[in-house]
Amino acid sequence: MESHKHLLAKNMAFLMLVSPNSNLEKLLKFCLATKITGKNPGKTTEEMARKLMEEPSTLAYWTQNVMRIDDNYTSEEWEALGNMQLTDIDKFMEQLWQ
C-alpha cells in the first residue's frame, strides 16, 4: 500500500508542475477525458502510453485508438481532442517535450 501512496504522490507532484495551456496539459486533459475500461485497463493504458512515447509521430492515430477503446465517444473527449489543435503533430510533440 505504501508503494501506491508514493506513486500517487509522485504523479500528483508531476501534475502540479505542468504549465497551464501547454501541449502537455492539453494531452493530459485528453487522457483524463477518456474512460478506458475492460480487462486489465491499467496494463492497456500503460502499453498505449509507452507506444506514444516510442513513436510520437503517431499521436493523431493514437488519440483515435484511445477514444475507440470504449466505443462511447463523449463530448468531453471530443472537446479535449479539439483543444489539442493537432494540425502539426511534429510541432505539437516538440513543444510537449519542452
PDB file of N, CA and C in Angstrom:
ATOM      1  N   MET A   1       0.821  -1.192   0.000  1.00  0.00           N
ATOM      2  CA  MET A   1       0.000   0.000   0.000  1.00  0.00           C
ATOM      3  C   MET A   1       0.868   1.260   0.000  1.00  0.00           C
ATOM      4  N   GLU A   2       1.977   1.244   0.707  1.00  0.00           N
ATOM      5  CA  GLU A   2       2.853   2.406   0.759  1.00  0.00           C
ATOM      6  C   GLU A   2       3.407   2.752  -0.621  1.00  0.00           C
ATOM      7  N   SER A   3       3.689   1.720  -1.432  1.00  0.00           N
ATOM      8  CA  SER A   3       4.214   1.997  -2.773  1.00  0.00           C
ATOM      9  C   SER A   3       3.172   2.714  -3.625  1.00  0.00           C
ATOM     10  N   HIS A   4       1.900   2.390  -3.425  1.00  0.00           N
ATOM     11  CA  HIS A   4       0.838   3.073  -4.159  1.00  0.00           C
ATOM     12  C   HIS A   4       0.742   4.540  -3.736  1.00  0.00           C
ATOM     13  N   LYS A   5       0.897   4.779  -2.448  1.00  0.00           N
ATOM     14  CA  LYS A   5       0.854   6.159  -1.955  1.00  0.00           C
ATOM     15  C   LYS A   5       2.026   6.959  -2.510  1.00  0.00           C
ATOM     16  N   HIS A   6       3.191   6.339  -2.551  1.00  0.00           N
ATOM     17  CA  HIS A   6       4.384   7.003  -3.084  1.00  0.00           C
ATOM     18  C   HIS A   6       4.192   7.318  -4.568  1.00  0.00           C
ATOM     19  N   LEU A   7       3.679   6.369  -5.324  1.00  0.00           N
ATOM     20  CA  LEU A   7       3.432   6.582  -6.751  1.00  0.00           C
ATOM     21  C   LEU A   7       2.404   7.686  -6.955  1.00  0.00           C
ATOM     22  N   LEU A   8       1.349   7.676  -6.162  1.00  0.00           N
ATOM     23  CA  LEU A   8       0.330   8.718  -6.275  1.00  0.00           C
ATOM     24  C   LEU A   8       0.931  10.088  -5.955  1.00  0.00           C
ATOM     25  N   ALA A   9       1.739  10.166  -4.918  1.00  0.00           N
ATOM     26  CA  ALA A   9       2.367  11.442  -4.558  1.00  0.00           C
ATOM     27  C   ALA A   9       3.264  11.947  -5.683  1.00  0.00           C
ATOM     28  N   LYS A  10       4.034  11.062  -6.292  1.00  0.00           N
ATOM     29  CA  LYS A  10       4.910  11.466  -7.405  1.00  0.00           C
ATOM     30  C   LYS A  10       4.086  11.972  -8.582  1.00  0.00           C
ATOM     31  N   ASN A  11       2.983  11.274  -8.880  1.00  0.00           N
ATOM     32  CA  ASN A  11       2.138  11.694 -10.000  1.00  0.00           C
ATOM     33  C   ASN A  11       1.454  13.026  -9.715  1.00  0.00           C
ATOM     34  N   MET A  12       1.010  13.214  -8.490  1.00  0.00           N
ATOM     35  CA  MET A  12       0.394  14.492  -8.128  1.00  0.00           C
ATOM     36  C   MET A  12       1.405  15.629  -8.244  1.00  0.00           C
ATOM     37  N   ALA A  13       2.623  15.395  -7.768  1.00  0.00           N
ATOM     38  CA  ALA A  13       3.671  16.424  -7.855  1.00  0.00           C
ATOM     39  C   ALA A  13       3.945  16.757  -9.313  1.00  0.00           C
ATOM     40  N   PHE A  14       4.021  15.753 -10.160  1.00  0.00           N
ATOM     41  CA  PHE A  14       4.234  15.981 -11.592  1.00  0.00           C
ATOM     42  C   PHE A  14       3.118  16.848 -12.170  1.00  0.00           C
ATOM     43  N   LEU A  15       1.874  16.527 -11.850  1.00  0.00           N
ATOM     44  CA  LEU A  15       0.741  17.287 -12.388  1.00  0.00           C
ATOM     45  C   LEU A  15       0.772  18.747 -11.939  1.00  0.00           C
ATOM     46  N   MET A  16       1.217  18.983 -10.723  1.00  0.00           N
ATOM     47  CA  MET A  16       1.284  20.359 -10.228  1.00  0.00           C
ATOM     48  C   MET A  16       2.342  21.172 -10.960  1.00  0.00           C
ATOM     49  N   LEU A  17       3.295  20.512 -11.603  1.00  0.00           N
ATOM     50  CA  LEU A  17       4.355  21.208 -12.325  1.00  0.00           C
ATOM     51  C   LEU A  17       4.040  21.456 -13.795  1.00  0.00           C
ATOM     52  N   VAL A  18       2.931  20.915 -14.283  1.00  0.00           N
ATOM     53  CA  VAL A  18       2.568  21.083 -15.691  1.00  0.00           C
ATOM     54  C   VAL A  18       2.064  22.506 -15.910  1.00  0.00           C
ATOM     55  N   SER A  19       2.660  23.186 -16.863  1.00  0.00           N
ATOM     56  CA  SER A  19       2.291  24.573 -17.159  1.00  0.00           C
ATOM     57  C   SER A  19       0.900  24.647 -17.789  1.00  0.00           C
ATOM     58  N   PRO A  20       0.099  25.605 -17.313  1.00  0.00           N
ATOM     59  CA  PRO A  20      -1.221  25.797 -17.926  1.00  0.00           C
ATOM     60  C   PRO A  20      -1.093  26.148 -19.402  1.00  0.00           C
ATOM     61  N   ASN A  21      -2.017  25.661 -20.191  1.00  0.00           N
ATOM     62  CA  ASN A  21      -2.103  25.917 -21.631  1.00  0.00           C
ATOM     63  C   ASN A  21      -0.941  25.338 -22.427  1.00  0.00           C
ATOM     64  N   SER A  22      -0.133  24.494 -21.813  1.00  0.00           N
ATOM     65  CA  SER A  22       0.953  23.850 -22.552  1.00  0.00           C
ATOM     66  C   SER A  22       0.389  22.657 -23.329  1.00  0.00           C
ATOM     67  N   ASN A  23       1.157  22.177 -24.276  1.00  0.00           N
ATOM     68  CA  ASN A  23       0.726  20.999 -25.023  1.00  0.00           C
ATOM     69  C   ASN A  23       0.642  19.777 -24.120  1.00  0.00           C
ATOM     70  N   LEU A  24       1.492  19.724 -23.108  1.00  0.00           N
ATOM     71  CA  LEU A  24       1.416  18.618 -22.164  1.00  0.00           C
ATOM     72  C   LEU A  24       0.102  18.665 -21.395  1.00  0.00           C
ATOM     73  N   GLU A  25      -0.307  19.866 -20.993  1.00  0.00           N
ATOM     74  CA  GLU A  25      -1.589  19.994 -20.304  1.00  0.00           C
ATOM     75  C   GLU A  25      -2.726  19.539 -21.225  1.00  0.00           C
ATOM     76  N   LYS A  26      -2.677  19.899 -22.488  1.00  0.00           N
ATOM     77  CA  LYS A  26      -3.720  19.511 -23.439  1.00  0.00           C
ATOM     78  C   LYS A  26      -3.772  17.993 -23.594  1.00  0.00           C
ATOM     79  N   LEU A  27      -2.609  17.366 -23.675  1.00  0.00           N
ATOM     80  CA  LEU A  27      -2.561  15.911 -23.800  1.00  0.00           C
ATOM     81  C   LEU A  27      -3.103  15.245 -22.539  1.00  0.00           C
ATOM     82  N   LEU A  28      -2.713  15.764 -21.376  1.00  0.00           N
ATOM     83  CA  LEU A  28      -3.195  15.189 -20.121  1.00  0.00           C
ATOM     84  C   LEU A  28      -4.700  15.374 -19.961  1.00  0.00           C
ATOM     85  N   LYS A  29      -5.232  16.510 -20.391  1.00  0.00           N
ATOM     86  CA  LYS A  29      -6.688  16.719 -20.331  1.00  0.00           C
ATOM     87  C   LYS A  29      -7.402  15.713 -21.224  1.00  0.00           C
ATOM     88  N   PHE A  30      -6.813  15.438 -22.387  1.00  0.00           N
ATOM     89  CA  PHE A  30      -7.398  14.427 -23.262  1.00  0.00           C
ATOM     90  C   PHE A  30      -7.400  13.074 -22.549  1.00  0.00           C
ATOM     91  N   CYS A  31      -6.277  12.735 -21.936  1.00  0.00           N
ATOM     92  CA  CYS A  31      -6.187  11.454 -21.223  1.00  0.00           C
ATOM     93  C   CYS A  31      -7.213  11.372 -20.096  1.00  0.00           C
ATOM     94  N   LEU A  32      -7.416  12.479 -19.380  1.00  0.00           N
ATOM     95  CA  LEU A  32      -8.394  12.495 -18.295  1.00  0.00           C
ATOM     96  C   LEU A  32      -9.830  12.365 -18.805  1.00  0.00           C
ATOM     97  N   ALA A  33     -10.077  12.832 -20.012  1.00  0.00           N
ATOM     98  CA  ALA A  33     -11.425  12.763 -20.577  1.00  0.00           C
ATOM     99  C   ALA A  33     -11.785  11.354 -21.051  1.00  0.00           C
ATOM    100  N   THR A  34     -10.789  10.551 -21.343  1.00  0.00           N
ATOM    101  CA  THR A  34     -11.055   9.194 -21.834  1.00  0.00           C
ATOM    102  C   THR A  34     -11.358   8.261 -20.681  1.00  0.00           C
ATOM    103  N   LYS A  35     -12.138   7.265 -20.976  1.00  0.00           N
ATOM    104  CA  LYS A  35     -12.506   6.270 -19.967  1.00  0.00           C
ATOM    105  C   LYS A  35     -12.196   4.894 -20.530  1.00  0.00           C
ATOM    106  N   ILE A  36     -11.087   4.337 -20.095  1.00  0.00           N
ATOM    107  CA  ILE A  36     -10.698   3.018 -20.576  1.00  0.00           C
ATOM    108  C   ILE A  36     -11.089   1.996 -19.525  1.00  0.00           C
ATOM    109  N   THR A  37     -11.897   1.047 -19.950  1.00  0.00           N
ATOM    110  CA  THR A  37     -12.381   0.018 -19.045  1.00  0.00           C
ATOM    111  C   THR A  37     -12.048  -1.350 -19.645  1.00  0.00           C
ATOM    112  N   GLY A  38     -12.565  -2.380 -19.054  1.00  0.00           N
ATOM    113  CA  GLY A  38     -12.348  -3.722 -19.584  1.00  0.00           C
ATOM    114  C   GLY A  38     -11.306  -4.470 -18.787  1.00  0.00           C
ATOM    115  N   LYS A  39     -10.789  -5.504 -19.394  1.00  0.00           N
ATOM    116  CA  LYS A  39      -9.821  -6.375 -18.739  1.00  0.00           C
ATOM    117  C   LYS A  39      -8.459  -5.680 -18.671  1.00  0.00           C
ATOM    118  N   ASN A  40      -7.884  -5.625 -17.488  1.00  0.00           N
ATOM    119  CA  ASN A  40      -6.556  -5.025 -17.264  1.00  0.00           C
ATOM    120  C   ASN A  40      -6.424  -3.616 -17.836  1.00  0.00           C
ATOM    121  N   PRO A  41      -7.292  -2.685 -17.432  1.00  0.00           N
ATOM    122  CA  PRO A  41      -7.204  -1.330 -18.006  1.00  0.00           C
ATOM    123  C   PRO A  41      -5.880  -0.645 -17.707  1.00  0.00           C
ATOM    124  N   GLY A  42      -5.290  -0.899 -16.534  1.00  0.00           N
ATOM    125  CA  GLY A  42      -4.003  -0.283 -16.203  1.00  0.00           C
ATOM    126  C   GLY A  42      -2.909  -0.726 -17.153  1.00  0.00           C
ATOM    127  N   LYS A  43      -2.897  -2.004 -17.451  1.00  0.00           N
ATOM    128  CA  LYS A  43      -1.889  -2.543 -18.370  1.00  0.00           C
ATOM    129  C   LYS A  43      -2.113  -1.998 -19.779  1.00  0.00           C
ATOM    130  N   THR A  44      -3.352  -1.962 -20.200  1.00  0.00           N
ATOM    131  CA  THR A  44      -3.693  -1.453 -21.531  1.00  0.00           C
ATOM    132  C   THR A  44      -3.254  -0.010 -21.682  1.00  0.00           C
ATOM    133  N   THR A  45      -3.576   0.817 -20.705  1.00  0.00           N
ATOM    134  CA  THR A  45      -3.246   2.234 -20.806  1.00  0.00           C
ATOM    135  C   THR A  45      -1.743   2.460 -20.751  1.00  0.00           C
ATOM    136  N   GLU A  46      -1.047   1.698 -19.932  1.00  0.00           N
ATOM    137  CA  GLU A  46       0.408   1.858 -19.867  1.00  0.00           C
ATOM    138  C   GLU A  46       1.051   1.473 -21.195  1.00  0.00           C
ATOM    139  N   GLU A  47       0.577   0.392 -21.799  1.00  0.00           N
ATOM    140  CA  GLU A  47       1.110  -0.023 -23.105  1.00  0.00           C
ATOM    141  C   GLU A  47       0.858   1.050 -24.160  1.00  0.00           C
ATOM    142  N   MET A  48      -0.343   1.628 -24.135  1.00  0.00           N
ATOM    143  CA  MET A  48      -0.672   2.672 -25.110  1.00  0.00           C
ATOM    144  C   MET A  48       0.206   3.901 -24.900  1.00  0.00           C
ATOM    145  N   ALA A  49       0.422   4.289 -23.650  1.00  0.00           N
ATOM    146  CA  ALA A  49       1.257   5.454 -23.361  1.00  0.00           C
ATOM    147  C   ALA A  49       2.696   5.207 -23.800  1.00  0.00           C
ATOM    148  N   ARG A  50       3.198   4.012 -23.556  1.00  0.00           N
ATOM    149  CA  ARG A  50       4.569   3.684 -23.971  1.00  0.00           C
ATOM    150  C   ARG A  50       4.717   3.740 -25.495  1.00  0.00           C
ATOM    151  N   LYS A  51       3.701   3.244 -26.200  1.00  0.00           N
ATOM    152  CA  LYS A  51       3.757   3.280 -27.667  1.00  0.00           C
ATOM    153  C   LYS A  51       3.820   4.712 -28.170  1.00  0.00           C
ATOM    154  N   LEU A  52       3.066   5.604 -27.542  1.00  0.00           N
ATOM    155  CA  LEU A  52       3.103   7.009 -27.953  1.00  0.00           C
ATOM    156  C   LEU A  52       4.482   7.599 -27.694  1.00  0.00           C
ATOM    157  N   MET A  53       5.071   7.287 -26.554  1.00  0.00           N
ATOM    158  CA  MET A  53       6.402   7.822 -26.241  1.00  0.00           C
ATOM    159  C   MET A  53       7.456   7.294 -27.214  1.00  0.00           C
ATOM    160  N   GLU A  54       7.283   6.054 -27.671  1.00  0.00           N
ATOM    161  CA  GLU A  54       8.229   5.457 -28.611  1.00  0.00           C
ATOM    162  C   GLU A  54       8.048   6.006 -30.024  1.00  0.00           C
ATOM    163  N   GLU A  55       6.808   6.312 -30.393  1.00  0.00           N
ATOM    164  CA  GLU A  55       6.511   6.814 -31.733  1.00  0.00           C
ATOM    165  C   GLU A  55       5.599   8.035 -31.644  1.00  0.00           C
ATOM    166  N   PRO A  56       6.127   9.174 -31.209  1.00  0.00           N
ATOM    167  CA  PRO A  56       5.296  10.361 -31.017  1.00  0.00           C
ATOM    168  C   PRO A  56       4.628  10.865 -32.292  1.00  0.00           C
ATOM    169  N   SER A  57       5.159  10.531 -33.439  1.00  0.00           N
ATOM    170  CA  SER A  57       4.560  10.988 -34.697  1.00  0.00           C
ATOM    171  C   SER A  57       3.203  10.328 -34.946  1.00  0.00           C
ATOM    172  N   THR A  58       2.855   9.316 -34.187  1.00  0.00           N
ATOM    173  CA  THR A  58       1.575   8.626 -34.363  1.00  0.00           C
ATOM    174  C   THR A  58       0.473   9.226 -33.486  1.00  0.00           C
ATOM    175  N   LEU A  59       0.710  10.396 -32.923  1.00  0.00           N
ATOM    176  CA  LEU A  59      -0.229  10.989 -31.968  1.00  0.00           C
ATOM    177  C   LEU A  59      -1.671  11.040 -32.481  1.00  0.00           C
ATOM    178  N   ALA A  60      -1.872  11.459 -33.709  1.00  0.00           N
ATOM    179  CA  ALA A  60      -3.240  11.569 -34.240  1.00  0.00           C
ATOM    180  C   ALA A  60      -3.934  10.203 -34.246  1.00  0.00           C
ATOM    181  N   TYR A  61      -3.235   9.176 -34.691  1.00  0.00           N
ATOM    182  CA  TYR A  61      -3.803   7.826 -34.703  1.00  0.00           C
ATOM    183  C   TYR A  61      -3.975   7.299 -33.281  1.00  0.00           C
ATOM    184  N   TRP A  62      -3.036   7.658 -32.416  1.00  0.00           N
ATOM    185  CA  TRP A  62      -3.077   7.229 -31.027  1.00  0.00           C
ATOM    186  C   TRP A  62      -4.336   7.760 -30.351  1.00  0.00           C
ATOM    187  N   THR A  63      -4.655   9.034 -30.568  1.00  0.00           N
ATOM    188  CA  THR A  63      -5.849   9.604 -29.938  1.00  0.00           C
ATOM    189  C   THR A  63      -7.108   8.898 -30.432  1.00  0.00           C
ATOM    190  N   GLN A  64      -7.151   8.555 -31.713  1.00  0.00           N
ATOM    191  CA  GLN A  64      -8.301   7.827 -32.250  1.00  0.00           C
ATOM    192  C   GLN A  64      -8.435   6.457 -31.589  1.00  0.00           C
ATOM    193  N   ASN A  65      -7.325   5.759 -31.434  1.00  0.00           N
ATOM    194  CA  ASN A  65      -7.361   4.443 -30.800  1.00  0.00           C
ATOM    195  C   ASN A  65      -7.805   4.533 -29.348  1.00  0.00           C
ATOM    196  N   VAL A  66      -7.336   5.545 -28.644  1.00  0.00           N
ATOM    197  CA  VAL A  66      -7.732   5.725 -27.245  1.00  0.00           C
ATOM    198  C   VAL A  66      -9.233   5.960 -27.149  1.00  0.00           C
ATOM    199  N   MET A  67      -9.751   6.817 -28.011  1.00  0.00           N
ATOM    200  CA  MET A  67     -11.188   7.100 -27.974  1.00  0.00           C
ATOM    201  C   MET A  67     -12.021   5.888 -28.392  1.00  0.00           C
ATOM    202  N   ARG A  68     -11.480   5.085 -29.255  1.00  0.00           N
ATOM    203  CA  ARG A  68     -12.213   3.945 -29.792  1.00  0.00           C
ATOM    204  C   ARG A  68     -12.328   2.778 -28.803  1.00  0.00           C
ATOM    205  N   ILE A  69     -11.484   2.751 -27.794  1.00  0.00           N
ATOM    206  CA  ILE A  69     -11.446   1.604 -26.882  1.00  0.00           C
ATOM    207  C   ILE A  69     -12.797   1.309 -26.253  1.00  0.00           C
ATOM    208  N   ASP A  70     -13.494   2.333 -25.784  1.00  0.00           N
ATOM    209  CA  ASP A  70     -14.760   2.054 -25.105  1.00  0.00           C
ATOM    210  C   ASP A  70     -15.979   2.200 -26.026  1.00  0.00           C
ATOM    211  N   ASP A  71     -15.761   2.550 -27.273  1.00  0.00           N
ATOM    212  CA  ASP A  71     -16.849   2.720 -28.248  1.00  0.00           C
ATOM    213  C   ASP A  71     -17.924   3.689 -27.780  1.00  0.00           C
ATOM    214  N   ASN A  72     -17.557   4.602 -26.906  1.00  0.00           N
ATOM    215  CA  ASN A  72     -18.519   5.563 -26.392  1.00  0.00           C
ATOM    216  C   ASN A  72     -17.868   6.937 -26.400  1.00  0.00           C
ATOM    217  N   TYR A  73     -17.896   7.588 -27.550  1.00  0.00           N
ATOM    218  CA  TYR A  73     -17.268   8.901 -27.680  1.00  0.00           C
ATOM    219  C   TYR A  73     -18.061   9.913 -26.873  1.00  0.00           C
ATOM    220  N   THR A  74     -17.390  10.588 -25.943  1.00  0.00           N
ATOM    221  CA  THR A  74     -18.081  11.581 -25.132  1.00  0.00           C
ATOM    222  C   THR A  74     -17.769  12.984 -25.638  1.00  0.00           C
ATOM    223  N   SER A  75     -18.606  13.911 -25.264  1.00  0.00           N
ATOM    224  CA  SER A  75     -18.369  15.302 -25.665  1.00  0.00           C
ATOM    225  C   SER A  75     -17.078  15.818 -25.030  1.00  0.00           C
ATOM    226  N   GLU A  76     -16.754  15.324 -23.833  1.00  0.00           N
ATOM    227  CA  GLU A  76     -15.511  15.735 -23.175  1.00  0.00           C
ATOM    228  C   GLU A  76     -14.298  15.279 -23.969  1.00  0.00           C
ATOM    229  N   GLU A  77     -14.348  14.051 -24.511  1.00  0.00           N
ATOM    230  CA  GLU A  77     -13.244  13.543 -25.321  1.00  0.00           C
ATOM    231  C   GLU A  77     -13.077  14.382 -26.586  1.00  0.00           C
ATOM    232  N   TRP A  78     -14.186  14.662 -27.259  1.00  0.00           N
ATOM    233  CA  TRP A  78     -14.120  15.455 -28.494  1.00  0.00           C
ATOM    234  C   TRP A  78     -13.595  16.857 -28.215  1.00  0.00           C
ATOM    235  N   GLU A  79     -14.054  17.455 -27.112  1.00  0.00           N
ATOM    236  CA  GLU A  79     -13.602  18.808 -26.758  1.00  0.00           C
ATOM    237  C   GLU A  79     -12.100  18.807 -26.460  1.00  0.00           C
ATOM    238  N   ALA A  80     -11.649  17.836 -25.668  1.00  0.00           N
ATOM    239  CA  ALA A  80     -10.226  17.753 -25.328  1.00  0.00           C
ATOM    240  C   ALA A  80      -9.380  17.508 -26.573  1.00  0.00           C
ATOM    241  N   LEU A  81      -9.876  16.665 -27.466  1.00  0.00           N
ATOM    242  CA  LEU A  81      -9.162  16.400 -28.715  1.00  0.00           C
ATOM    243  C   LEU A  81      -9.081  17.665 -29.565  1.00  0.00           C
ATOM    244  N   GLY A  82     -10.183  18.380 -29.677  1.00  0.00           N
ATOM    245  CA  GLY A  82     -10.201  19.620 -30.452  1.00  0.00           C
ATOM    246  C   GLY A  82      -9.271  20.679 -29.879  1.00  0.00           C
ATOM    247  N   ASN A  83      -9.185  20.739 -28.559  1.00  0.00           N
ATOM    248  CA  ASN A  83      -8.317  21.721 -27.906  1.00  0.00           C
ATOM    249  C   ASN A  83      -6.840  21.442 -28.149  1.00  0.00           C
ATOM    250  N   MET A  84      -6.515  20.226 -28.545  1.00  0.00           N
ATOM    251  CA  MET A  84      -5.119  19.896 -28.811  1.00  0.00           C
ATOM    252  C   MET A  84      -4.650  20.539 -30.119  1.00  0.00           C
ATOM    253  N   GLN A  85      -5.580  20.864 -31.009  1.00  0.00           N
ATOM    254  CA  GLN A  85      -5.258  21.525 -32.285  1.00  0.00           C
ATOM    255  C   GLN A  85      -4.116  20.808 -33.008  1.00  0.00           C
ATOM    256  N   LEU A  86      -4.371  19.580 -33.379  1.00  0.00           N
ATOM    257  CA  LEU A  86      -3.340  18.725 -33.980  1.00  0.00           C
ATOM    258  C   LEU A  86      -3.191  18.948 -35.479  1.00  0.00           C
ATOM    259  N   THR A  87      -2.783  20.143 -35.855  1.00  0.00           N
ATOM    260  CA  THR A  87      -2.557  20.419 -37.276  1.00  0.00           C
ATOM    261  C   THR A  87      -1.127  20.102 -37.687  1.00  0.00           C
ATOM    262  N   ASP A  88      -0.210  20.177 -36.731  1.00  0.00           N
ATOM    263  CA  ASP A  88       1.198  19.861 -36.997  1.00  0.00           C
ATOM    264  C   ASP A  88       1.688  18.990 -35.847  1.00  0.00           C
ATOM    265  N   ILE A  89       1.639  17.673 -36.035  1.00  0.00           N
ATOM    266  CA  ILE A  89       1.967  16.712 -34.981  1.00  0.00           C
ATOM    267  C   ILE A  89       3.404  16.888 -34.492  1.00  0.00           C
ATOM    268  N   ASP A  90       4.334  17.028 -35.428  1.00  0.00           N
ATOM    269  CA  ASP A  90       5.738  17.165 -35.027  1.00  0.00           C
ATOM    270  C   ASP A  90       5.948  18.399 -34.149  1.00  0.00           C
ATOM    271  N   LYS A  91       5.329  19.504 -34.527  1.00  0.00           N
ATOM    272  CA  LYS A  91       5.461  20.732 -33.753  1.00  0.00           C
ATOM    273  C   LYS A  91       4.797  20.565 -32.377  1.00  0.00           C
ATOM    274  N   PHE A  92       3.627  19.935 -32.363  1.00  0.00           N
ATOM    275  CA  PHE A  92       2.924  19.709 -31.105  1.00  0.00           C
ATOM    276  C   PHE A  92       3.794  18.907 -30.150  1.00  0.00           C
ATOM    277  N   MET A  93       4.375  17.803 -30.645  1.00  0.00           N
ATOM    278  CA  MET A  93       5.183  16.946 -29.790  1.00  0.00           C
ATOM    279  C   MET A  93       6.497  17.622 -29.392  1.00  0.00           C
ATOM    280  N   GLU A  94       7.067  18.414 -30.288  1.00  0.00           N
ATOM    281  CA  GLU A  94       8.295  19.148 -29.955  1.00  0.00           C
ATOM    282  C   GLU A  94       8.036  20.107 -28.791  1.00  0.00           C
ATOM    283  N   GLN A  95       6.912  20.814 -28.855  1.00  0.00           N
ATOM    284  CA  GLN A  95       6.559  21.730 -27.777  1.00  0.00           C
ATOM    285  C   GLN A  95       6.204  20.979 -26.504  1.00  0.00           C
ATOM    286  N   LEU A  96       5.612  19.809 -26.646  1.00  0.00           N
ATOM    287  CA  LEU A  96       5.259  18.996 -25.490  1.00  0.00           C
ATOM    288  C   LEU A  96       6.514  18.623 -24.701  1.00  0.00           C
ATOM    289  N   TRP A  97       7.598  18.251 -25.387  1.00  0.00           N
ATOM    290  CA  TRP A  97       8.811  17.840 -24.705  1.00  0.00           C
ATOM    291  C   TRP A  97       9.520  18.984 -24.002  1.00  0.00           C
ATOM    292  N   GLN A  98       9.219  20.216 -24.410  1.00  0.00           N
ATOM    293  CA  GLN A  98       9.846  21.370 -23.763  1.00  0.00           C
ATOM    294  C   GLN A  98       9.259  21.540 -22.380  1.00  0.00           C
TER     295      GLN A  98
END
